[in-house]
Amino acid sequence: MSADNEVARAVRDLVLAGDRYRGAVGRSAGLGASGVSTLALLFLEGPATPGAIARHLGITTASATQLLDRLEAAGHVRRRPDPADRRSCLVELEPGGRRYVAATYDDFAERIGRVVAGRSGAEIAAVAGFLHAASNILAGPGAGAG
């Protein structure tokens, strides 16, 4: 197997492992992948409009509304009027949703920390640089084409 193919396989395996991890932590809270992604977005970026959430997830605004209805009913998020646009609302995490995401990120960081332990600063910088570049190229223009 060529080095390029080996790296591509390793990245694919990492992406699939991430999907499985997200699925497992979502199931533990009764959430699907879109629900987990929405809570993570709100945790990392702060309040967002339903339209911004729909764009982030690549779904319709109607689907985002249904998702937000479920997340709100479960006590993970709440909607409040958008002070910048009275026709819209902002979605924000409720304390329970914030605790769920924080615990998930703590667990994730602990697991990755086990892999990082004992590595040199140069190794960590090289791997982080590669992963950032791979993330950018996979999410960039033309993603999903071909």
N, C-alpha and C. Protein backbone atom coordinates (compact mmCIF):
# COMPACT_ATOMS: atom_id res chain seq x y z
N MET A 1 0.86 -1.18 0.00
CA MET A 1 0.00 0.00 0.00
C MET A 1 0.90 1.23 0.00
N SER A 2 0.57 2.21 -0.84
CA SER A 2 1.38 3.44 -0.90
C SER A 2 1.16 4.27 0.36
N ALA A 3 2.11 5.15 0.63
CA ALA A 3 2.01 6.01 1.81
C ALA A 3 0.76 6.88 1.74
N ASP A 4 0.43 7.40 0.53
CA ASP A 4 -0.77 8.22 0.38
C ASP A 4 -2.02 7.43 0.75
N ASN A 5 -2.09 6.18 0.26
CA ASN A 5 -3.25 5.35 0.58
C ASN A 5 -3.31 5.02 2.06
N GLU A 6 -2.16 4.80 2.67
CA GLU A 6 -2.13 4.50 4.10
C GLU A 6 -2.63 5.68 4.92
N VAL A 7 -2.21 6.89 4.53
CA VAL A 7 -2.67 8.09 5.24
C VAL A 7 -4.16 8.29 5.01
N ALA A 8 -4.61 8.12 3.77
CA ALA A 8 -6.04 8.27 3.48
C ALA A 8 -6.86 7.28 4.29
N ARG A 9 -6.38 6.05 4.40
CA ARG A 9 -7.10 5.04 5.19
C ARG A 9 -7.12 5.43 6.67
N ALA A 10 -6.00 5.93 7.18
CA ALA A 10 -5.95 6.33 8.59
C ALA A 10 -6.90 7.50 8.87
N VAL A 11 -6.96 8.46 7.95
CA VAL A 11 -7.89 9.59 8.12
C VAL A 11 -9.32 9.10 8.05
N ARG A 12 -9.60 8.22 7.09
CA ARG A 12 -10.96 7.66 6.99
C ARG A 12 -11.33 6.94 8.28
N ASP A 13 -10.41 6.13 8.81
CA ASP A 13 -10.67 5.42 10.06
C ASP A 13 -10.94 6.40 11.21
N LEU A 14 -10.19 7.50 11.25
CA LEU A 14 -10.40 8.51 12.29
C LEU A 14 -11.78 9.15 12.16
N VAL A 15 -12.16 9.48 10.93
CA VAL A 15 -13.48 10.09 10.70
C VAL A 15 -14.58 9.12 11.13
N LEU A 16 -14.45 7.86 10.74
CA LEU A 16 -15.46 6.86 11.12
C LEU A 16 -15.50 6.65 12.63
N ALA A 17 -14.34 6.63 13.27
CA ALA A 17 -14.30 6.50 14.73
C ALA A 17 -14.98 7.69 15.38
N GLY A 18 -14.76 8.89 14.83
CA GLY A 18 -15.42 10.09 15.35
C GLY A 18 -16.94 9.99 15.20
N ASP A 19 -17.39 9.47 14.06
CA ASP A 19 -18.83 9.28 13.86
C ASP A 19 -19.39 8.30 14.88
N ARG A 20 -18.67 7.20 15.11
CA ARG A 20 -19.13 6.21 16.09
C ARG A 20 -19.16 6.81 17.49
N TYR A 21 -18.14 7.58 17.82
CA TYR A 21 -18.08 8.23 19.14
C TYR A 21 -19.26 9.18 19.31
N ARG A 22 -19.49 10.02 18.30
CA ARG A 22 -20.61 10.97 18.37
C ARG A 22 -21.94 10.22 18.49
N GLY A 23 -22.08 9.12 17.76
CA GLY A 23 -23.30 8.32 17.86
C GLY A 23 -23.49 7.74 19.24
N ALA A 24 -22.41 7.24 19.83
CA ALA A 24 -22.50 6.63 21.17
C ALA A 24 -22.85 7.67 22.22
N VAL A 25 -22.19 8.83 22.19
CA VAL A 25 -22.51 9.84 23.20
C VAL A 25 -23.90 10.42 22.96
N GLY A 26 -24.32 10.48 21.71
CA GLY A 26 -25.67 10.94 21.42
C GLY A 26 -26.72 9.98 21.95
N ARG A 27 -26.50 8.69 21.69
CA ARG A 27 -27.47 7.68 22.17
C ARG A 27 -27.58 7.71 23.69
N SER A 28 -26.47 7.99 24.38
CA SER A 28 -26.52 8.02 25.84
C SER A 28 -27.42 9.14 26.36
N ALA A 29 -27.66 10.15 25.52
CA ALA A 29 -28.54 11.25 25.92
C ALA A 29 -29.82 11.28 25.09
N GLY A 30 -30.06 10.23 24.31
CA GLY A 30 -31.26 10.18 23.48
C GLY A 30 -31.23 11.13 22.31
N LEU A 31 -30.02 11.41 21.78
CA LEU A 31 -29.87 12.35 20.68
C LEU A 31 -29.31 11.66 19.45
N GLY A 32 -29.69 12.17 18.29
CA GLY A 32 -29.09 11.73 17.05
C GLY A 32 -27.88 12.61 16.72
N ALA A 33 -27.23 12.30 15.61
CA ALA A 33 -26.03 13.03 15.21
C ALA A 33 -26.30 14.52 15.02
N SER A 34 -27.43 14.88 14.45
CA SER A 34 -27.74 16.30 14.24
C SER A 34 -27.94 17.02 15.56
N GLY A 35 -28.55 16.34 16.52
CA GLY A 35 -28.73 16.95 17.84
C GLY A 35 -27.40 17.19 18.53
N VAL A 36 -26.51 16.20 18.47
CA VAL A 36 -25.18 16.36 19.07
C VAL A 36 -24.43 17.49 18.40
N SER A 37 -24.48 17.54 17.06
CA SER A 37 -23.79 18.60 16.33
C SER A 37 -24.35 19.98 16.66
N THR A 38 -25.65 20.07 16.84
CA THR A 38 -26.27 21.35 17.19
C THR A 38 -25.82 21.81 18.57
N LEU A 39 -25.84 20.91 19.54
CA LEU A 39 -25.41 21.28 20.88
C LEU A 39 -23.93 21.68 20.88
N ALA A 40 -23.11 20.96 20.12
CA ALA A 40 -21.68 21.31 20.03
C ALA A 40 -21.50 22.68 19.40
N LEU A 41 -22.26 22.98 18.34
CA LEU A 41 -22.18 24.29 17.69
C LEU A 41 -22.51 25.39 18.69
N LEU A 42 -23.59 25.23 19.43
CA LEU A 42 -24.00 26.25 20.38
C LEU A 42 -23.00 26.38 21.52
N PHE A 43 -22.38 25.29 21.93
CA PHE A 43 -21.38 25.30 22.99
C PHE A 43 -20.14 26.07 22.53
N LEU A 44 -19.70 25.80 21.31
CA LEU A 44 -18.47 26.40 20.80
C LEU A 44 -18.64 27.82 20.27
N GLU A 45 -19.78 28.09 19.64
CA GLU A 45 -19.99 29.37 18.96
C GLU A 45 -20.95 30.31 19.67
N GLY A 46 -21.72 29.80 20.63
CA GLY A 46 -22.72 30.62 21.30
C GLY A 46 -24.05 30.57 20.58
N PRO A 47 -25.00 31.40 21.00
CA PRO A 47 -26.34 31.37 20.41
C PRO A 47 -26.31 31.53 18.89
N ALA A 48 -27.26 30.87 18.23
CA ALA A 48 -27.34 30.92 16.77
C ALA A 48 -28.80 30.94 16.35
N THR A 49 -29.04 31.46 15.17
CA THR A 49 -30.39 31.44 14.62
C THR A 49 -30.70 30.05 14.08
N PRO A 50 -31.97 29.70 13.98
CA PRO A 50 -32.32 28.41 13.36
C PRO A 50 -31.77 28.29 11.94
N GLY A 51 -31.75 29.39 11.20
CA GLY A 51 -31.20 29.35 9.84
C GLY A 51 -29.72 29.03 9.82
N ALA A 52 -28.97 29.61 10.75
CA ALA A 52 -27.53 29.31 10.84
C ALA A 52 -27.31 27.85 11.22
N ILE A 53 -28.15 27.33 12.10
CA ILE A 53 -28.04 25.92 12.49
C ILE A 53 -28.34 25.03 11.30
N ALA A 54 -29.38 25.37 10.54
CA ALA A 54 -29.72 24.59 9.34
C ALA A 54 -28.56 24.58 8.35
N ARG A 55 -27.95 25.74 8.12
CA ARG A 55 -26.80 25.80 7.19
C ARG A 55 -25.64 24.98 7.70
N HIS A 56 -25.38 25.06 8.99
CA HIS A 56 -24.27 24.30 9.59
C HIS A 56 -24.48 22.80 9.40
N LEU A 57 -25.70 22.35 9.56
CA LEU A 57 -26.01 20.92 9.45
C LEU A 57 -26.26 20.49 8.01
N GLY A 58 -26.49 21.44 7.11
CA GLY A 58 -26.80 21.10 5.73
C GLY A 58 -28.20 20.53 5.58
N ILE A 59 -29.15 21.09 6.37
CA ILE A 59 -30.53 20.62 6.32
C ILE A 59 -31.44 21.81 6.04
N THR A 60 -32.71 21.54 5.77
CA THR A 60 -33.66 22.61 5.52
C THR A 60 -34.02 23.30 6.83
N THR A 61 -34.56 24.51 6.72
CA THR A 61 -34.98 25.21 7.93
C THR A 61 -36.15 24.48 8.59
N ALA A 62 -36.99 23.83 7.80
CA ALA A 62 -38.10 23.06 8.39
C ALA A 62 -37.55 21.90 9.22
N SER A 63 -36.54 21.22 8.71
CA SER A 63 -35.93 20.12 9.47
C SER A 63 -35.24 20.66 10.72
N ALA A 64 -34.60 21.82 10.61
CA ALA A 64 -33.95 22.42 11.77
C ALA A 64 -34.99 22.78 12.83
N THR A 65 -36.13 23.28 12.41
CA THR A 65 -37.20 23.61 13.36
C THR A 65 -37.65 22.38 14.11
N GLN A 66 -37.84 21.26 13.40
CA GLN A 66 -38.24 20.01 14.07
C GLN A 66 -37.17 19.55 15.05
N LEU A 67 -35.91 19.65 14.64
CA LEU A 67 -34.80 19.26 15.52
C LEU A 67 -34.79 20.14 16.77
N LEU A 68 -34.94 21.44 16.58
CA LEU A 68 -34.94 22.36 17.72
C LEU A 68 -36.13 22.13 18.64
N ASP A 69 -37.27 21.78 18.06
CA ASP A 69 -38.43 21.43 18.89
C ASP A 69 -38.09 20.26 19.82
N ARG A 70 -37.43 19.23 19.27
CA ARG A 70 -37.06 18.06 20.08
C ARG A 70 -36.02 18.43 21.14
N LEU A 71 -35.02 19.21 20.76
CA LEU A 71 -33.98 19.60 21.71
C LEU A 71 -34.56 20.49 22.82
N GLU A 72 -35.51 21.35 22.45
CA GLU A 72 -36.13 22.22 23.44
C GLU A 72 -37.02 21.40 24.39
N ALA A 73 -37.78 20.46 23.84
CA ALA A 73 -38.65 19.62 24.66
C ALA A 73 -37.82 18.77 25.64
N ALA A 74 -36.62 18.40 25.24
CA ALA A 74 -35.73 17.60 26.11
C ALA A 74 -34.98 18.46 27.11
N GLY A 75 -35.15 19.79 27.02
CA GLY A 75 -34.51 20.68 27.98
C GLY A 75 -33.06 21.02 27.67
N HIS A 76 -32.61 20.76 26.44
CA HIS A 76 -31.22 21.04 26.07
C HIS A 76 -31.00 22.48 25.59
N VAL A 77 -32.01 23.05 24.95
CA VAL A 77 -31.88 24.40 24.40
C VAL A 77 -33.14 25.20 24.70
N ARG A 78 -33.02 26.50 24.48
CA ARG A 78 -34.21 27.36 24.53
C ARG A 78 -34.08 28.39 23.42
N ARG A 79 -35.23 28.86 22.99
CA ARG A 79 -35.28 29.92 21.98
C ARG A 79 -35.61 31.23 22.70
N ARG A 80 -34.98 32.30 22.22
CA ARG A 80 -35.31 33.62 22.76
C ARG A 80 -35.31 34.60 21.59
N PRO A 81 -36.00 35.71 21.73
CA PRO A 81 -36.04 36.69 20.63
C PRO A 81 -34.63 37.16 20.27
N ASP A 82 -34.41 37.37 18.99
CA ASP A 82 -33.13 37.89 18.50
C ASP A 82 -33.19 39.41 18.59
N PRO A 83 -32.36 40.04 19.45
CA PRO A 83 -32.42 41.49 19.59
C PRO A 83 -32.04 42.23 18.31
N ALA A 84 -31.32 41.57 17.42
CA ALA A 84 -30.90 42.22 16.16
C ALA A 84 -31.94 42.07 15.06
N ASP A 85 -32.90 41.16 15.23
CA ASP A 85 -33.91 40.91 14.19
C ASP A 85 -35.16 40.37 14.86
N ARG A 86 -36.15 41.22 15.06
CA ARG A 86 -37.33 40.80 15.81
C ARG A 86 -38.16 39.74 15.10
N ARG A 87 -37.86 39.47 13.81
CA ARG A 87 -38.57 38.41 13.10
C ARG A 87 -37.97 37.04 13.37
N SER A 88 -36.81 37.02 14.01
CA SER A 88 -36.08 35.78 14.21
C SER A 88 -35.91 35.50 15.70
N CYS A 89 -35.29 34.36 15.98
CA CYS A 89 -34.96 34.02 17.36
C CYS A 89 -33.53 33.50 17.40
N LEU A 90 -33.01 33.45 18.59
CA LEU A 90 -31.71 32.85 18.83
C LEU A 90 -31.93 31.59 19.66
N VAL A 91 -31.15 30.58 19.36
CA VAL A 91 -31.20 29.33 20.11
C VAL A 91 -29.96 29.29 20.99
N GLU A 92 -30.16 28.98 22.26
CA GLU A 92 -29.02 28.90 23.17
C GLU A 92 -29.14 27.66 24.04
N LEU A 93 -28.01 27.24 24.58
CA LEU A 93 -28.00 26.07 25.44
C LEU A 93 -28.64 26.38 26.78
N GLU A 94 -29.39 25.43 27.26
CA GLU A 94 -29.85 25.45 28.64
C GLU A 94 -28.74 24.85 29.49
N PRO A 95 -28.77 25.05 30.81
CA PRO A 95 -27.69 24.50 31.65
C PRO A 95 -27.48 22.99 31.47
N GLY A 96 -28.54 22.23 31.32
CA GLY A 96 -28.39 20.79 31.12
C GLY A 96 -27.68 20.45 29.82
N GLY A 97 -28.00 21.17 28.76
CA GLY A 97 -27.33 20.97 27.48
C GLY A 97 -25.86 21.34 27.57
N ARG A 98 -25.57 22.43 28.29
CA ARG A 98 -24.19 22.87 28.46
C ARG A 98 -23.39 21.82 29.25
N ARG A 99 -23.99 21.27 30.30
CA ARG A 99 -23.30 20.24 31.10
C ARG A 99 -23.03 18.99 30.25
N TYR A 100 -24.02 18.60 29.44
CA TYR A 100 -23.86 17.42 28.57
C TYR A 100 -22.69 17.61 27.62
N VAL A 101 -22.63 18.76 26.94
CA VAL A 101 -21.55 18.98 25.97
C VAL A 101 -20.21 19.09 26.69
N ALA A 102 -20.17 19.80 27.81
CA ALA A 102 -18.91 19.94 28.55
C ALA A 102 -18.39 18.57 28.99
N ALA A 103 -19.26 17.71 29.47
CA ALA A 103 -18.84 16.37 29.89
C ALA A 103 -18.35 15.56 28.70
N THR A 104 -19.03 15.70 27.58
CA THR A 104 -18.60 14.99 26.36
C THR A 104 -17.22 15.46 25.93
N TYR A 105 -17.00 16.78 25.91
CA TYR A 105 -15.69 17.30 25.52
C TYR A 105 -14.61 16.92 26.52
N ASP A 106 -14.94 16.87 27.81
CA ASP A 106 -13.97 16.43 28.80
C ASP A 106 -13.55 14.99 28.54
N ASP A 107 -14.52 14.12 28.26
CA ASP A 107 -14.24 12.72 27.96
C ASP A 107 -13.39 12.62 26.69
N PHE A 108 -13.77 13.35 25.66
CA PHE A 108 -13.05 13.35 24.39
C PHE A 108 -11.60 13.80 24.60
N ALA A 109 -11.42 14.89 25.34
CA ALA A 109 -10.07 15.42 25.59
C ALA A 109 -9.23 14.42 26.39
N GLU A 110 -9.85 13.73 27.34
CA GLU A 110 -9.11 12.74 28.12
C GLU A 110 -8.65 11.59 27.23
N ARG A 111 -9.52 11.13 26.33
CA ARG A 111 -9.16 10.04 25.42
C ARG A 111 -8.03 10.46 24.48
N ILE A 112 -8.13 11.65 23.90
CA ILE A 112 -7.08 12.13 23.00
C ILE A 112 -5.80 12.38 23.78
N GLY A 113 -5.93 12.84 25.01
CA GLY A 113 -4.77 13.06 25.87
C GLY A 113 -3.95 11.81 26.06
N ARG A 114 -4.62 10.65 26.10
CA ARG A 114 -3.90 9.38 26.23
C ARG A 114 -3.02 9.12 25.01
N VAL A 115 -3.46 9.55 23.84
CA VAL A 115 -2.68 9.37 22.62
C VAL A 115 -1.53 10.37 22.56
N VAL A 116 -1.77 11.56 23.03
CA VAL A 116 -0.77 12.64 22.98
C VAL A 116 0.33 12.44 24.02
N ALA A 117 0.00 11.82 25.13
CA ALA A 117 0.96 11.65 26.22
C ALA A 117 2.26 11.02 25.72
N GLY A 118 3.36 11.64 26.10
CA GLY A 118 4.67 11.11 25.73
C GLY A 118 5.18 11.54 24.38
N ARG A 119 4.37 12.24 23.61
CA ARG A 119 4.80 12.73 22.30
C ARG A 119 5.53 14.05 22.48
N SER A 120 6.47 14.32 21.59
CA SER A 120 7.21 15.59 21.66
C SER A 120 6.34 16.73 21.14
N GLY A 121 6.74 17.93 21.50
CA GLY A 121 6.04 19.11 20.99
C GLY A 121 6.05 19.18 19.48
N ALA A 122 7.17 18.78 18.88
CA ALA A 122 7.27 18.80 17.41
C ALA A 122 6.32 17.78 16.78
N GLU A 123 6.21 16.60 17.38
CA GLU A 123 5.29 15.59 16.86
C GLU A 123 3.85 16.09 16.95
N ILE A 124 3.50 16.64 18.10
CA ILE A 124 2.14 17.14 18.30
C ILE A 124 1.83 18.26 17.31
N ALA A 125 2.77 19.18 17.11
CA ALA A 125 2.56 20.28 16.16
C ALA A 125 2.39 19.75 14.75
N ALA A 126 3.18 18.76 14.37
CA ALA A 126 3.09 18.20 13.01
C ALA A 126 1.74 17.52 12.80
N VAL A 127 1.33 16.72 13.77
CA VAL A 127 0.05 16.02 13.65
C VAL A 127 -1.10 17.03 13.63
N ALA A 128 -1.06 18.00 14.53
CA ALA A 128 -2.13 19.01 14.57
C ALA A 128 -2.19 19.78 13.26
N GLY A 129 -1.05 20.16 12.72
CA GLY A 129 -1.03 20.86 11.43
C GLY A 129 -1.63 20.02 10.31
N PHE A 130 -1.26 18.74 10.28
CA PHE A 130 -1.81 17.84 9.27
C PHE A 130 -3.33 17.73 9.42
N LEU A 131 -3.80 17.52 10.65
CA LEU A 131 -5.24 17.35 10.87
C LEU A 131 -6.02 18.60 10.51
N HIS A 132 -5.48 19.78 10.82
CA HIS A 132 -6.15 21.03 10.42
C HIS A 132 -6.21 21.14 8.90
N ALA A 133 -5.11 20.84 8.23
CA ALA A 133 -5.10 20.92 6.77
C ALA A 133 -6.07 19.91 6.16
N ALA A 134 -6.10 18.69 6.69
CA ALA A 134 -7.02 17.67 6.19
C ALA A 134 -8.47 18.10 6.42
N SER A 135 -8.76 18.65 7.58
CA SER A 135 -10.12 19.13 7.87
C SER A 135 -10.54 20.20 6.88
N ASN A 136 -9.64 21.15 6.63
CA ASN A 136 -9.95 22.25 5.72
C ASN A 136 -10.19 21.76 4.30
N ILE A 137 -9.37 20.84 3.83
CA ILE A 137 -9.54 20.38 2.45
C ILE A 137 -10.78 19.50 2.30
N LEU A 138 -11.10 18.72 3.33
CA LEU A 138 -12.29 17.88 3.27
C LEU A 138 -13.57 18.69 3.34
N ALA A 139 -13.56 19.81 4.07
CA ALA A 139 -14.76 20.63 4.22
C ALA A 139 -14.86 21.75 3.20
N GLY A 140 -13.84 21.93 2.40
CA GLY A 140 -13.77 23.05 1.47
C GLY A 140 -14.64 22.88 0.24
N PRO A 141 -14.49 23.81 -0.71
CA PRO A 141 -15.27 23.76 -1.95
C PRO A 141 -15.11 22.40 -2.64
N GLY A 142 -16.21 21.89 -3.16
CA GLY A 142 -16.18 20.62 -3.85
C GLY A 142 -16.32 19.42 -2.92
N ALA A 143 -16.50 19.68 -1.62
CA ALA A 143 -16.65 18.57 -0.67
C ALA A 143 -17.86 17.73 -1.09
N GLY A 144 -17.65 16.45 -1.11
CA GLY A 144 -18.73 15.53 -1.46
C GLY A 144 -18.87 15.31 -2.94
N ALA A 145 -18.13 16.05 -3.76
CA ALA A 145 -18.20 15.85 -5.21
C ALA A 145 -17.38 14.64 -5.59
N GLY A 146 -17.82 13.97 -6.62
CA GLY A 146 -17.02 12.86 -7.16
C GLY A 146 -17.47 11.62 -6.63
